PDB file of N, CA and C in Angstrom:
ATOM      1  N   MET A   1     109.017 -11.358   8.663  1.00  0.00           N
ATOM      2  CA  MET A   1     108.848 -12.624   9.323  1.00  0.00           C
ATOM      3  C   MET A   1     107.394 -12.791   9.837  1.00  0.00           C
ATOM      4  N   ALA A   2     106.919 -11.624  10.208  1.00  0.00           N
ATOM      5  CA  ALA A   2     105.488 -11.583  11.072  1.00  0.00           C
ATOM      6  C   ALA A   2     104.404 -12.280   9.951  1.00  0.00           C
ATOM      7  N   GLY A   3     104.670 -12.093   8.502  1.00  0.00           N
ATOM      8  CA  GLY A   3     103.871 -12.539   7.815  1.00  0.00           C
ATOM      9  C   GLY A   3     103.669 -14.187   7.746  1.00  0.00           C
ATOM     10  N   LEU A   4     105.018 -14.876   7.958  1.00  0.00           N
ATOM     11  CA  LEU A   4     104.668 -16.152   8.309  1.00  0.00           C
ATOM     12  C   LEU A   4     104.075 -16.757   9.268  1.00  0.00           C
ATOM     13  N   GLN A   5     103.928 -15.915  10.137  1.00  0.00           N
ATOM     14  CA  GLN A   5     103.009 -16.607  11.245  1.00  0.00           C
ATOM     15  C   GLN A   5     101.525 -16.814  10.703  1.00  0.00           C
ATOM     16  N   SER A   6     101.189 -16.216   9.918  1.00  0.00           N
ATOM     17  CA  SER A   6      99.649 -16.421   9.466  1.00  0.00           C
ATOM     18  C   SER A   6      99.684 -18.031   8.889  1.00  0.00           C
ATOM     19  N   TYR A   7     100.853 -18.495   8.508  1.00  0.00           N
ATOM     20  CA  TYR A   7     100.866 -19.754   7.690  1.00  0.00           C
ATOM     21  C   TYR A   7     101.022 -20.815   8.985  1.00  0.00           C
ATOM     22  N   VAL A   8     101.218 -20.656   9.941  1.00  0.00           N
ATOM     23  CA  VAL A   8     101.601 -21.710  11.001  1.00  0.00           C
ATOM     24  C   VAL A   8     100.114 -22.558  10.905  1.00  0.00           C
ATOM     25  N   ASP A   9     100.226 -23.849  11.189  1.00  0.00           N
ATOM     26  CA  ASP A   9      99.290 -24.828  11.230  1.00  0.00           C
ATOM     27  C   ASP A   9      98.227 -24.772   9.851  1.00  0.00           C
ATOM     28  N   GLN A  10      98.773 -24.140   8.697  1.00  0.00           N
ATOM     29  CA  GLN A  10      98.161 -24.060   7.454  1.00  0.00           C
ATOM     30  C   GLN A  10      98.937 -25.085   6.659  1.00  0.00           C
ATOM     31  N   ARG A  11      98.292 -25.396   5.719  1.00  0.00           N
ATOM     32  CA  ARG A  11      98.995 -26.371   4.610  1.00  0.00           C
ATOM     33  C   ARG A  11      99.519 -25.321   3.349  1.00  0.00           C
ATOM     34  N   VAL A  12     100.908 -25.349   3.107  1.00  0.00           N
ATOM     35  CA  VAL A  12     101.429 -24.634   2.221  1.00  0.00           C
ATOM     36  C   VAL A  12     102.381 -25.358   1.047  1.00  0.00           C
ATOM     37  N   LEU A  13     102.706 -24.469   0.329  1.00  0.00           N
ATOM     38  CA  LEU A  13     103.594 -24.912  -0.938  1.00  0.00           C
ATOM     39  C   LEU A  13     104.744 -24.088  -0.703  1.00  0.00           C
ATOM     40  N   LEU A  14     105.893 -24.526  -0.851  1.00  0.00           N
ATOM     41  CA  LEU A  14     107.002 -23.836  -0.926  1.00  0.00           C
ATOM     42  C   LEU A  14     107.743 -24.339  -2.006  1.00  0.00           C
ATOM     43  N   ILE A  15     108.775 -23.234  -2.648  1.00  0.00           N
ATOM     44  CA  ILE A  15     109.343 -23.634  -4.011  1.00  0.00           C
ATOM     45  C   ILE A  15     110.892 -23.204  -3.573  1.00  0.00           C
ATOM     46  N   LEU A  16     111.609 -24.215  -3.898  1.00  0.00           N
ATOM     47  CA  LEU A  16     112.682 -24.047  -3.341  1.00  0.00           C
ATOM     48  C   LEU A  16     113.643 -23.611  -4.460  1.00  0.00           C
ATOM     49  N   GLN A  17     115.011 -22.859  -3.887  1.00  0.00           N
ATOM     50  CA  GLN A  17     115.976 -22.743  -5.307  1.00  0.00           C
ATOM     51  C   GLN A  17     116.471 -23.607  -6.098  1.00  0.00           C
ATOM     52  N   ASP A  18     116.189 -24.941  -5.573  1.00  0.00           N
ATOM     53  CA  ASP A  18     116.867 -25.922  -6.738  1.00  0.00           C
ATOM     54  C   ASP A  18     115.902 -26.353  -7.258  1.00  0.00           C
ATOM     55  N   GLY A  19     114.505 -25.821  -7.340  1.00  0.00           N
ATOM     56  CA  GLY A  19     113.391 -25.962  -8.119  1.00  0.00           C
ATOM     57  C   GLY A  19     112.311 -27.186  -7.563  1.00  0.00           C
ATOM     58  N   ARG A  20     112.507 -27.649  -6.348  1.00  0.00           N
ATOM     59  CA  ARG A  20     111.730 -28.792  -5.812  1.00  0.00           C
ATOM     60  C   ARG A  20     110.565 -27.687  -5.396  1.00  0.00           C
ATOM     61  N   ALA A  21     109.300 -28.467  -5.095  1.00  0.00           N
ATOM     62  CA  ALA A  21     108.038 -28.053  -4.551  1.00  0.00           C
ATOM     63  C   ALA A  21     107.751 -28.875  -3.566  1.00  0.00           C
ATOM     64  N   ILE A  22     107.234 -28.402  -2.282  1.00  0.00           N
ATOM     65  CA  ILE A  22     107.408 -29.247  -0.835  1.00  0.00           C
ATOM     66  C   ILE A  22     105.935 -28.716  -0.806  1.00  0.00           C
ATOM     67  N   VAL A  23     105.041 -29.538  -0.182  1.00  0.00           N
ATOM     68  CA  VAL A  23     103.751 -29.178   0.055  1.00  0.00           C
ATOM     69  C   VAL A  23     103.782 -29.634   1.681  1.00  0.00           C
ATOM     70  N   GLY A  24     103.349 -29.106   2.651  1.00  0.00           N
ATOM     71  CA  GLY A  24     102.952 -29.468   4.108  1.00  0.00           C
ATOM     72  C   GLY A  24     102.316 -28.739   5.016  1.00  0.00           C
ATOM     73  N   VAL A  25     102.460 -29.052   6.179  1.00  0.00           N
ATOM     74  CA  VAL A  25     101.675 -28.061   7.256  1.00  0.00           C
ATOM     75  C   VAL A  25     102.772 -27.637   7.811  1.00  0.00           C
ATOM     76  N   MET A  26     102.601 -26.098   7.919  1.00  0.00           N
ATOM     77  CA  MET A  26     103.724 -25.256   8.492  1.00  0.00           C
ATOM     78  C   MET A  26     103.567 -25.608  10.111  1.00  0.00           C
ATOM     79  N   ALA A  27     104.487 -26.176  10.403  1.00  0.00           N
ATOM     80  CA  ALA A  27     104.685 -26.238  12.049  1.00  0.00           C
ATOM     81  C   ALA A  27     105.120 -25.120  12.676  1.00  0.00           C
ATOM     82  N   GLY A  28     106.273 -24.536  12.171  1.00  0.00           N
ATOM     83  CA  GLY A  28     106.744 -23.544  12.891  1.00  0.00           C
ATOM     84  C   GLY A  28     108.023 -22.842  11.873  1.00  0.00           C
ATOM     85  N   PHE A  29     108.395 -21.806  12.291  1.00  0.00           N
ATOM     86  CA  PHE A  29     109.529 -20.956  11.772  1.00  0.00           C
ATOM     87  C   PHE A  29     110.368 -20.496  12.926  1.00  0.00           C
ATOM     88  N   ASP A  30     111.837 -19.966  12.443  1.00  0.00           N
ATOM     89  CA  ASP A  30     112.499 -19.259  13.340  1.00  0.00           C
ATOM     90  C   ASP A  30     113.072 -17.956  12.805  1.00  0.00           C
ATOM     91  N   GLN A  31     113.681 -17.164  13.325  1.00  0.00           N
ATOM     92  CA  GLN A  31     114.108 -15.739  12.820  1.00  0.00           C
ATOM     93  C   GLN A  31     114.728 -15.514  11.552  1.00  0.00           C
ATOM     94  N   LYS A  32     115.404 -16.700  11.275  1.00  0.00           N
ATOM     95  CA  LYS A  32     116.238 -16.903  10.220  1.00  0.00           C
ATOM     96  C   LYS A  32     115.235 -17.283   8.889  1.00  0.00           C
ATOM     97  N   SER A  33     113.997 -17.188   9.257  1.00  0.00           N
ATOM     98  CA  SER A  33     112.919 -18.047   8.336  1.00  0.00           C
ATOM     99  C   SER A  33     113.201 -19.739   7.488  1.00  0.00           C
ATOM    100  N   ASN A  34     113.899 -20.169   8.480  1.00  0.00           N
ATOM    101  CA  ASN A  34     113.934 -21.439   8.559  1.00  0.00           C
ATOM    102  C   ASN A  34     112.404 -22.128   8.860  1.00  0.00           C
ATOM    103  N   VAL A  35     111.910 -23.008   7.861  1.00  0.00           N
ATOM    104  CA  VAL A  35     110.521 -23.144   8.107  1.00  0.00           C
ATOM    105  C   VAL A  35     110.427 -24.996   8.303  1.00  0.00           C
ATOM    106  N   VAL A  36     109.615 -25.432   9.521  1.00  0.00           N
ATOM    107  CA  VAL A  36     109.618 -26.723   9.438  1.00  0.00           C
ATOM    108  C   VAL A  36     108.165 -27.081   9.290  1.00  0.00           C
ATOM    109  N   LEU A  37     108.173 -28.307   8.101  1.00  0.00           N
ATOM    110  CA  LEU A  37     106.945 -28.769   7.871  1.00  0.00           C
ATOM    111  C   LEU A  37     106.420 -30.213   8.347  1.00  0.00           C
ATOM    112  N   SER A  38     105.338 -30.089   8.633  1.00  0.00           N
ATOM    113  CA  SER A  38     104.754 -31.475   8.987  1.00  0.00           C
ATOM    114  C   SER A  38     104.319 -32.227   7.769  1.00  0.00           C
ATOM    115  N   ASP A  39     103.975 -33.776   7.740  1.00  0.00           N
ATOM    116  CA  ASP A  39     103.150 -34.608   6.738  1.00  0.00           C
ATOM    117  C   ASP A  39     103.403 -33.757   5.461  1.00  0.00           C
ATOM    118  N   SER A  40     104.834 -33.664   5.219  1.00  0.00           N
ATOM    119  CA  SER A  40     105.369 -32.727   3.769  1.00  0.00           C
ATOM    120  C   SER A  40     105.229 -34.080   2.917  1.00  0.00           C
ATOM    121  N   LYS A  41     105.234 -33.481   1.568  1.00  0.00           N
ATOM    122  CA  LYS A  41     105.374 -34.427   0.559  1.00  0.00           C
ATOM    123  C   LYS A  41     106.230 -33.616  -0.752  1.00  0.00           C
ATOM    124  N   GLU A  42     107.112 -34.021  -1.477  1.00  0.00           N
ATOM    125  CA  GLU A  42     107.753 -33.347  -2.296  1.00  0.00           C
ATOM    126  C   GLU A  42     106.803 -33.736  -3.805  1.00  0.00           C
ATOM    127  N   ARG A  43     106.489 -32.766  -4.653  1.00  0.00           N
ATOM    128  CA  ARG A  43     106.015 -32.996  -5.779  1.00  0.00           C
ATOM    129  C   ARG A  43     106.720 -32.872  -6.708  1.00  0.00           C
ATOM    130  N   VAL A  44     107.247 -33.875  -7.633  1.00  0.00           N
ATOM    131  CA  VAL A  44     108.256 -34.038  -8.533  1.00  0.00           C
ATOM    132  C   VAL A  44     107.075 -34.212  -9.901  1.00  0.00           C
ATOM    133  N   TYR A  45     107.577 -32.908 -10.842  1.00  0.00           N
ATOM    134  CA  TYR A  45     106.655 -32.717 -12.182  1.00  0.00           C
ATOM    135  C   TYR A  45     107.353 -33.441 -13.238  1.00  0.00           C
ATOM    136  N   SER A  46     106.787 -34.020 -14.183  1.00  0.00           N
ATOM    137  CA  SER A  46     107.342 -34.683 -15.411  1.00  0.00           C
ATOM    138  C   SER A  46     106.470 -34.430 -16.375  1.00  0.00           C
ATOM    139  N   ILE A  47     106.856 -34.224 -17.683  1.00  0.00           N
ATOM    140  CA  ILE A  47     106.137 -34.320 -18.943  1.00  0.00           C
ATOM    141  C   ILE A  47     105.562 -35.709 -19.167  1.00  0.00           C
ATOM    142  N   GLU A  48     106.294 -36.918 -18.853  1.00  0.00           N
ATOM    143  CA  GLU A  48     105.677 -38.107 -19.337  1.00  0.00           C
ATOM    144  C   GLU A  48     104.822 -38.623 -18.208  1.00  0.00           C
ATOM    145  N   GLU A  49     105.149 -38.569 -17.275  1.00  0.00           N
ATOM    146  CA  GLU A  49     104.580 -39.445 -15.978  1.00  0.00           C
ATOM    147  C   GLU A  49     103.411 -38.417 -15.162  1.00  0.00           C
ATOM    148  N   GLY A  50     103.331 -37.436 -15.095  1.00  0.00           N
ATOM    149  CA  GLY A  50     102.603 -36.686 -14.548  1.00  0.00           C
ATOM    150  C   GLY A  50     103.252 -36.241 -13.068  1.00  0.00           C
ATOM    151  N   VAL A  51     102.747 -35.884 -12.127  1.00  0.00           N
ATOM    152  CA  VAL A  51     103.125 -35.385 -10.798  1.00  0.00           C
ATOM    153  C   VAL A  51     103.183 -36.666  -9.766  1.00  0.00           C
ATOM    154  N   GLU A  52     104.573 -36.780  -9.236  1.00  0.00           N
ATOM    155  CA  GLU A  52     104.819 -37.796  -8.263  1.00  0.00           C
ATOM    156  C   GLU A  52     104.848 -37.168  -6.826  1.00  0.00           C
ATOM    157  N   GLU A  53     104.045 -37.763  -5.796  1.00  0.00           N
ATOM    158  CA  GLU A  53     104.358 -37.139  -4.703  1.00  0.00           C
ATOM    159  C   GLU A  53     105.268 -37.946  -3.841  1.00  0.00           C
ATOM    160  N   ILE A  54     106.240 -37.569  -3.318  1.00  0.00           N
ATOM    161  CA  ILE A  54     107.066 -38.544  -2.628  1.00  0.00           C
ATOM    162  C   ILE A  54     107.009 -37.912  -0.711  1.00  0.00           C
ATOM    163  N   PRO A  55     106.553 -38.957  -0.188  1.00  0.00           N
ATOM    164  CA  PRO A  55     106.502 -38.534   1.215  1.00  0.00           C
ATOM    165  C   PRO A  55     107.893 -38.258   2.035  1.00  0.00           C
ATOM    166  N   LEU A  56     107.694 -37.082   2.724  1.00  0.00           N
ATOM    167  CA  LEU A  56     108.987 -36.794   3.344  1.00  0.00           C
ATOM    168  C   LEU A  56     108.694 -36.626   4.718  1.00  0.00           C
ATOM    169  N   GLY A  57     107.330 -36.371   5.605  1.00  0.00           N
ATOM    170  CA  GLY A  57     107.120 -36.648   6.528  1.00  0.00           C
ATOM    171  C   GLY A  57     107.524 -35.223   7.315  1.00  0.00           C
ATOM    172  N   LEU A  58     108.071 -35.198   8.631  1.00  0.00           N
ATOM    173  CA  LEU A  58     108.518 -33.847   9.108  1.00  0.00           C
ATOM    174  C   LEU A  58     109.716 -33.409   8.268  1.00  0.00           C
ATOM    175  N   TYR A  59     109.927 -32.297   7.965  1.00  0.00           N
ATOM    176  CA  TYR A  59     110.955 -31.717   7.157  1.00  0.00           C
ATOM    177  C   TYR A  59     110.823 -30.400   7.407  1.00  0.00           C
ATOM    178  N   LEU A  60     112.727 -30.006   7.471  1.00  0.00           N
ATOM    179  CA  LEU A  60     112.900 -28.686   8.024  1.00  0.00           C
ATOM    180  C   LEU A  60     113.626 -28.237   6.615  1.00  0.00           C
ATOM    181  N   VAL A  61     112.992 -26.883   6.192  1.00  0.00           N
ATOM    182  CA  VAL A  61     113.711 -26.133   5.018  1.00  0.00           C
ATOM    183  C   VAL A  61     114.519 -24.716   5.570  1.00  0.00           C
ATOM    184  N   LYS A  62     115.663 -24.928   5.189  1.00  0.00           N
ATOM    185  CA  LYS A  62     116.353 -23.609   5.292  1.00  0.00           C
ATOM    186  C   LYS A  62     116.181 -22.283   4.549  1.00  0.00           C
ATOM    187  N   GLY A  63     115.802 -21.434   5.337  1.00  0.00           N
ATOM    188  CA  GLY A  63     115.102 -20.300   5.006  1.00  0.00           C
ATOM    189  C   GLY A  63     115.594 -19.792   3.777  1.00  0.00           C
ATOM    190  N   ASP A  64     117.302 -19.658   3.707  1.00  0.00           N
ATOM    191  CA  ASP A  64     117.876 -19.467   2.609  1.00  0.00           C
ATOM    192  C   ASP A  64     117.505 -20.004   1.071  1.00  0.00           C
ATOM    193  N   GLN A  65     116.999 -21.151   1.362  1.00  0.00           N
ATOM    194  CA  GLN A  65     116.658 -21.910   0.213  1.00  0.00           C
ATOM    195  C   GLN A  65     115.368 -21.738  -0.464  1.00  0.00           C
ATOM    196  N   ILE A  66     114.499 -20.918   0.363  1.00  0.00           N
ATOM    197  CA  ILE A  66     112.796 -20.575   0.203  1.00  0.00           C
ATOM    198  C   ILE A  66     112.867 -19.672  -1.084  1.00  0.00           C
ATOM    199  N   VAL A  67     112.348 -19.982  -2.240  1.00  0.00           N
ATOM    200  CA  VAL A  67     112.025 -18.605  -2.914  1.00  0.00           C
ATOM    201  C   VAL A  67     110.384 -18.140  -2.675  1.00  0.00           C
ATOM    202  N   LEU A  68     109.779 -19.150  -2.378  1.00  0.00           N
ATOM    203  CA  LEU A  68     108.127 -18.947  -2.451  1.00  0.00           C
ATOM    204  C   LEU A  68     107.522 -19.570  -1.507  1.00  0.00           C
ATOM    205  N   ILE A  69     106.616 -18.913  -0.621  1.00  0.00           N
ATOM    206  CA  ILE A  69     105.884 -19.613   0.303  1.00  0.00           C
ATOM    207  C   ILE A  69     104.211 -19.380  -0.075  1.00  0.00           C
ATOM    208  N   GLY A  70     103.601 -20.202  -0.346  1.00  0.00           N
ATOM    209  CA  GLY A  70     101.926 -19.860  -0.832  1.00  0.00           C
ATOM    210  C   GLY A  70     100.843 -20.966   0.127  1.00  0.00           C
ATOM    211  N   GLU A  71      99.968 -20.287   0.675  1.00  0.00           N
ATOM    212  CA  GLU A  71      98.859 -21.238   1.396  1.00  0.00           C
ATOM    213  C   GLU A  71      98.106 -22.131   0.039  1.00  0.00           C
ATOM    214  N   VAL A  72      97.893 -23.153   0.463  1.00  0.00           N
ATOM    215  CA  VAL A  72      97.455 -24.195  -0.424  1.00  0.00           C
ATOM    216  C   VAL A  72      95.577 -24.311  -0.083  1.00  0.00           C
ATOM    217  N   ASP A  73      94.780 -24.135  -1.030  1.00  0.00           N
ATOM    218  CA  ASP A  73      93.587 -24.304  -0.833  1.00  0.00           C
ATOM    219  C   ASP A  73      93.200 -25.982  -0.710  1.00  0.00           C
ATOM    220  N   ASP A  74      92.933 -26.503   0.314  1.00  0.00           N
ATOM    221  CA  ASP A  74      92.877 -27.925   0.389  1.00  0.00           C
ATOM    222  C   ASP A  74      91.635 -28.596  -0.654  1.00  0.00           C
ATOM    223  N   ALA A  75      90.531 -27.734  -0.693  1.00  0.00           N
ATOM    224  CA  ALA A  75      89.612 -28.204  -1.569  1.00  0.00           C
ATOM    225  C   ALA A  75      89.904 -28.389  -3.021  1.00  0.00           C
ATOM    226  N   ALA A  76      90.528 -27.331  -3.553  1.00  0.00           N
ATOM    227  CA  ALA A  76      90.823 -27.434  -4.768  1.00  0.00           C
ATOM    228  C   ALA A  76      92.100 -28.114  -5.243  1.00  0.00           C
ATOM    229  N   ASP A  77      92.782 -28.343  -4.072  1.00  0.00           N
ATOM    230  CA  ASP A  77      94.049 -29.284  -4.182  1.00  0.00           C
ATOM    231  C   ASP A  77      93.478 -30.717  -4.366  1.00  0.00           C
ATOM    232  N   LYS A  78      92.659 -31.107  -3.319  1.00  0.00           N
ATOM    233  CA  LYS A  78      92.167 -32.489  -3.653  1.00  0.00           C
ATOM    234  C   LYS A  78      91.229 -32.652  -4.821  1.00  0.00           C
ATOM    235  N   ALA A  79      90.837 -31.743  -5.472  1.00  0.00           N
ATOM    236  CA  ALA A  79      89.855 -31.836  -6.660  1.00  0.00           C
ATOM    237  C   ALA A  79      90.665 -32.219  -7.892  1.00  0.00           C
ATOM    238  N   VAL A  80      92.112 -32.125  -7.958  1.00  0.00           N
ATOM    239  CA  VAL A  80      92.785 -32.377  -9.100  1.00  0.00           C
ATOM    240  C   VAL A  80      93.418 -33.608  -8.970  1.00  0.00           C
ATOM    241  N   ASP A  81      93.121 -34.222 -10.149  1.00  0.00           N
ATOM    242  CA  ASP A  81      94.076 -35.499 -10.135  1.00  0.00           C
ATOM    243  C   ASP A  81      95.483 -35.321 -10.677  1.00  0.00           C
ATOM    244  N   LEU A  82      96.502 -35.287  -9.773  1.00  0.00           N
ATOM    245  CA  LEU A  82      97.982 -34.888 -10.022  1.00  0.00           C
ATOM    246  C   LEU A  82      98.572 -35.837 -10.977  1.00  0.00           C
ATOM    247  N   SER A  83      98.109 -37.062 -11.174  1.00  0.00           N
ATOM    248  CA  SER A  83      98.540 -37.862 -12.174  1.00  0.00           C
ATOM    249  C   SER A  83      98.186 -37.308 -13.832  1.00  0.00           C
ATOM    250  N   THR A  84      97.263 -36.483 -13.923  1.00  0.00           N
ATOM    251  CA  THR A  84      96.844 -36.139 -15.206  1.00  0.00           C
ATOM    252  C   THR A  84      97.661 -34.942 -15.579  1.00  0.00           C
ATOM    253  N   ILE A  85      98.321 -34.255 -14.715  1.00  0.00           N
ATOM    254  CA  ILE A  85      99.273 -32.864 -14.889  1.00  0.00           C
ATOM    255  C   ILE A  85     100.393 -33.168 -15.693  1.00  0.00           C
ATOM    256  N   ARG A  86     100.798 -32.800 -16.561  1.00  0.00           N
ATOM    257  CA  ARG A  86     102.082 -32.936 -17.395  1.00  0.00           C
ATOM    258  C   ARG A  86     102.941 -31.319 -17.059  1.00  0.00           C
ATOM    259  N   ALA A  87     104.059 -31.418 -16.592  1.00  0.00           N
ATOM    260  CA  ALA A  87     104.466 -30.200 -16.381  1.00  0.00           C
ATOM    261  C   ALA A  87     106.222 -30.386 -16.481  1.00  0.00           C
ATOM    262  N   GLU A  88     106.981 -29.342 -17.240  1.00  0.00           N
ATOM    263  CA  GLU A  88     108.219 -29.355 -17.002  1.00  0.00           C
ATOM    264  C   GLU A  88     108.648 -29.118 -15.499  1.00  0.00           C
ATOM    265  N   PRO A  89     109.728 -29.964 -15.005  1.00  0.00           N
ATOM    266  CA  PRO A  89     110.189 -29.461 -13.720  1.00  0.00           C
ATOM    267  C   PRO A  89     110.767 -27.890 -13.613  1.00  0.00           C
ATOM    268  N   LEU A  90     110.357 -27.517 -12.513  1.00  0.00           N
ATOM    269  CA  LEU A  90     111.382 -26.022 -12.269  1.00  0.00           C
ATOM    270  C   LEU A  90     112.715 -25.999 -12.324  1.00  0.00           C
ATOM    271  N   PRO A  91     113.304 -25.187 -13.220  1.00  0.00           N
ATOM    272  CA  PRO A  91     114.863 -25.256 -13.199  1.00  0.00           C
ATOM    273  C   PRO A  91     115.399 -24.587 -11.746  1.00  0.00           C
ATOM    274  N   PRO A  92     116.844 -24.963 -11.609  1.00  0.00           N
ATOM    275  CA  PRO A  92     117.390 -24.467 -10.186  1.00  0.00           C
ATOM    276  C   PRO A  92     117.610 -22.826 -10.649  1.00  0.00           C
ATOM    277  N   ILE A  93     117.434 -21.862  -9.526  1.00  0.00           N
ATOM    278  CA  ILE A  93     117.897 -20.568  -9.657  1.00  0.00           C
ATOM    279  C   ILE A  93     119.195 -20.398 -10.041  1.00  0.00           C
ATOM    280  N   ARG A  94     119.910 -19.727 -11.188  1.00  0.00           N
ATOM    281  CA  ARG A  94     121.462 -19.464 -11.052  1.00  0.00           C
ATOM    282  C   ARG A  94     121.445 -17.867 -10.796  1.00  0.00           C
ATOM    283  N   TYR A  95     122.572 -17.842 -10.101  1.00  0.00           N
ATOM    284  CA  TYR A  95     123.228 -16.362 -10.162  1.00  0.00           C
ATOM    285  C   TYR A  95     124.103 -15.840 -10.807  1.00  0.00           C
TER     286      TYR A  95
END
């Protein structure tokens, strides 16, 4: 959990167990690794239409749903035109 502290106030990408990708600024977290994101957006990937960003605003993600947390390089992220990216959506995790 000490590793999450370095992500506070940073733009991060969360990949969730159901395959969703959510980008936002990490506002905080707790002892269960629940994460609060501000200014968050869900990125929905598609083969036909490119990447759609759905605004979520302030968003709470349960820690047991998070598969991956990574810091987003703002300069690289802004340089990419998401509408030109075609990709299969991530499948949900099956146990």
